[in-house]
Amino acid sequence: MILGSAEANDPVLAQVEAFEKSGLVKDVTVLESFPVQIWLTASKETIETLQQIPRQ
């Protein structure tokens, strides 16, 4: 599970969507909480990249 950002244009969610289009993540489920909770399947490296995105 990856937590999104509290920003209006969530950079974490945007990156997840880009990774999904390129095939780096799959089985994406976004829970409409604040911030969003994103459940997905990905490699350890991809998850670490998502966790390193700055959040406000």
N, C-alpha and C. Protein backbone atom coordinates (compact mmCIF):
# COMPACT_ATOMS: atom_id res chain seq x y z
N MET A 1 0.84 -1.17 0.00
CA MET A 1 0.00 0.00 0.00
C MET A 1 0.89 1.24 0.00
N ILE A 2 0.56 2.17 -0.86
CA ILE A 2 1.28 3.42 -0.98
C ILE A 2 0.32 4.54 -0.59
N LEU A 3 0.77 5.45 0.25
CA LEU A 3 -0.05 6.62 0.58
C LEU A 3 0.21 7.71 -0.44
N GLY A 4 -0.86 8.36 -0.84
CA GLY A 4 -0.73 9.48 -1.75
C GLY A 4 -0.34 10.74 -1.00
N SER A 5 -0.43 11.85 -1.68
CA SER A 5 -0.09 13.14 -1.12
C SER A 5 -1.37 13.91 -0.83
N ALA A 6 -1.29 14.90 0.05
CA ALA A 6 -2.44 15.74 0.36
C ALA A 6 -2.60 16.87 -0.66
N GLU A 7 -1.72 16.93 -1.64
CA GLU A 7 -1.78 17.97 -2.66
C GLU A 7 -2.97 17.75 -3.59
N ALA A 8 -3.46 18.86 -4.16
CA ALA A 8 -4.60 18.78 -5.08
C ALA A 8 -4.27 17.92 -6.29
N ASN A 9 -3.14 18.12 -6.91
CA ASN A 9 -2.69 17.29 -8.03
C ASN A 9 -1.64 16.33 -7.48
N ASP A 10 -2.09 15.21 -7.00
CA ASP A 10 -1.25 14.25 -6.27
C ASP A 10 -0.13 13.70 -7.16
N PRO A 11 1.14 14.05 -6.85
CA PRO A 11 2.25 13.55 -7.66
C PRO A 11 2.44 12.03 -7.53
N VAL A 12 2.08 11.48 -6.40
CA VAL A 12 2.22 10.03 -6.19
C VAL A 12 1.24 9.29 -7.10
N LEU A 13 -0.01 9.72 -7.08
CA LEU A 13 -1.02 9.09 -7.93
C LEU A 13 -0.68 9.26 -9.40
N ALA A 14 -0.19 10.42 -9.77
CA ALA A 14 0.20 10.66 -11.17
C ALA A 14 1.32 9.70 -11.59
N GLN A 15 2.29 9.46 -10.70
CA GLN A 15 3.38 8.55 -11.04
C GLN A 15 2.89 7.11 -11.11
N VAL A 16 1.98 6.73 -10.22
CA VAL A 16 1.40 5.39 -10.27
C VAL A 16 0.70 5.18 -11.61
N GLU A 17 -0.06 6.17 -12.04
CA GLU A 17 -0.77 6.06 -13.32
C GLU A 17 0.21 5.94 -14.48
N ALA A 18 1.31 6.69 -14.44
CA ALA A 18 2.33 6.60 -15.49
C ALA A 18 2.99 5.23 -15.48
N PHE A 19 3.31 4.72 -14.29
CA PHE A 19 3.92 3.40 -14.17
C PHE A 19 2.95 2.32 -14.66
N GLU A 20 1.67 2.50 -14.40
CA GLU A 20 0.68 1.51 -14.84
C GLU A 20 0.62 1.47 -16.37
N LYS A 21 0.65 2.64 -17.00
CA LYS A 21 0.62 2.70 -18.46
C LYS A 21 1.85 2.04 -19.08
N SER A 22 2.99 2.17 -18.39
CA SER A 22 4.23 1.58 -18.92
C SER A 22 4.41 0.12 -18.50
N GLY A 23 3.49 -0.40 -17.67
CA GLY A 23 3.55 -1.80 -17.28
C GLY A 23 4.38 -2.10 -16.05
N LEU A 24 4.87 -1.06 -15.35
CA LEU A 24 5.68 -1.28 -14.16
C LEU A 24 4.85 -1.65 -12.93
N VAL A 25 3.58 -1.26 -12.92
CA VAL A 25 2.68 -1.66 -11.83
C VAL A 25 1.42 -2.26 -12.42
N LYS A 26 0.75 -3.10 -11.62
CA LYS A 26 -0.50 -3.69 -12.06
C LYS A 26 -1.40 -3.87 -10.85
N ASP A 27 -2.62 -4.29 -11.10
CA ASP A 27 -3.60 -4.52 -10.03
C ASP A 27 -3.79 -3.28 -9.16
N VAL A 28 -3.88 -2.10 -9.78
CA VAL A 28 -3.98 -0.85 -9.04
C VAL A 28 -5.41 -0.63 -8.54
N THR A 29 -5.53 -0.37 -7.25
CA THR A 29 -6.80 0.00 -6.63
C THR A 29 -6.55 1.26 -5.81
N VAL A 30 -7.33 2.30 -6.09
CA VAL A 30 -7.20 3.57 -5.37
C VAL A 30 -8.40 3.73 -4.45
N LEU A 31 -8.13 3.83 -3.16
CA LEU A 31 -9.19 4.04 -2.18
C LEU A 31 -9.37 5.54 -1.98
N GLU A 32 -10.61 5.99 -2.03
CA GLU A 32 -10.89 7.42 -1.94
C GLU A 32 -10.90 7.87 -0.49
N SER A 33 -9.72 7.96 0.08
CA SER A 33 -9.54 8.49 1.42
C SER A 33 -8.70 9.76 1.27
N PHE A 34 -8.32 10.38 2.36
CA PHE A 34 -7.49 11.57 2.26
C PHE A 34 -6.34 11.44 3.21
N PRO A 35 -5.11 11.33 2.74
CA PRO A 35 -4.77 11.19 1.31
C PRO A 35 -5.17 9.81 0.78
N VAL A 36 -5.14 9.69 -0.53
CA VAL A 36 -5.56 8.42 -1.13
C VAL A 36 -4.63 7.29 -0.69
N GLN A 37 -5.19 6.10 -0.63
CA GLN A 37 -4.42 4.89 -0.38
C GLN A 37 -4.41 4.12 -1.69
N ILE A 38 -3.23 3.74 -2.13
CA ILE A 38 -3.09 3.07 -3.42
C ILE A 38 -2.55 1.67 -3.19
N TRP A 39 -3.33 0.68 -3.56
CA TRP A 39 -2.91 -0.72 -3.47
C TRP A 39 -2.48 -1.15 -4.87
N LEU A 40 -1.33 -1.80 -4.97
CA LEU A 40 -0.82 -2.20 -6.27
C LEU A 40 0.16 -3.34 -6.14
N THR A 41 0.49 -3.91 -7.29
CA THR A 41 1.52 -4.93 -7.37
C THR A 41 2.65 -4.38 -8.23
N ALA A 42 3.87 -4.43 -7.70
CA ALA A 42 5.03 -3.90 -8.43
C ALA A 42 6.31 -4.50 -7.84
N SER A 43 7.41 -4.26 -8.54
CA SER A 43 8.71 -4.71 -8.03
C SER A 43 9.11 -3.87 -6.82
N LYS A 44 10.03 -4.39 -6.05
CA LYS A 44 10.52 -3.68 -4.87
C LYS A 44 11.10 -2.32 -5.26
N GLU A 45 11.82 -2.26 -6.36
CA GLU A 45 12.44 -1.01 -6.81
C GLU A 45 11.37 0.04 -7.17
N THR A 46 10.32 -0.39 -7.83
CA THR A 46 9.25 0.54 -8.21
C THR A 46 8.53 1.06 -6.97
N ILE A 47 8.28 0.20 -6.02
CA ILE A 47 7.62 0.62 -4.78
C ILE A 47 8.52 1.60 -4.02
N GLU A 48 9.82 1.33 -3.96
CA GLU A 48 10.74 2.25 -3.29
C GLU A 48 10.76 3.61 -3.98
N THR A 49 10.69 3.62 -5.30
CA THR A 49 10.64 4.88 -6.05
C THR A 49 9.39 5.67 -5.67
N LEU A 50 8.26 5.00 -5.59
CA LEU A 50 7.01 5.67 -5.22
C LEU A 50 7.07 6.19 -3.79
N GLN A 51 7.69 5.45 -2.89
CA GLN A 51 7.77 5.87 -1.50
C GLN A 51 8.68 7.07 -1.30
N GLN A 52 9.60 7.30 -2.23
CA GLN A 52 10.54 8.40 -2.11
C GLN A 52 10.01 9.72 -2.67
N ILE A 53 8.82 9.71 -3.29
CA ILE A 53 8.26 10.96 -3.82
C ILE A 53 7.88 11.86 -2.65
N PRO A 54 8.35 13.12 -2.66
CA PRO A 54 8.01 14.04 -1.56
C PRO A 54 6.50 14.25 -1.44
N ARG A 55 6.03 14.31 -0.20
CA ARG A 55 4.60 14.50 0.06
C ARG A 55 4.41 15.73 0.95
N GLN A 56 3.28 16.40 0.75
CA GLN A 56 2.95 17.54 1.60
C GLN A 56 1.83 17.18 2.53
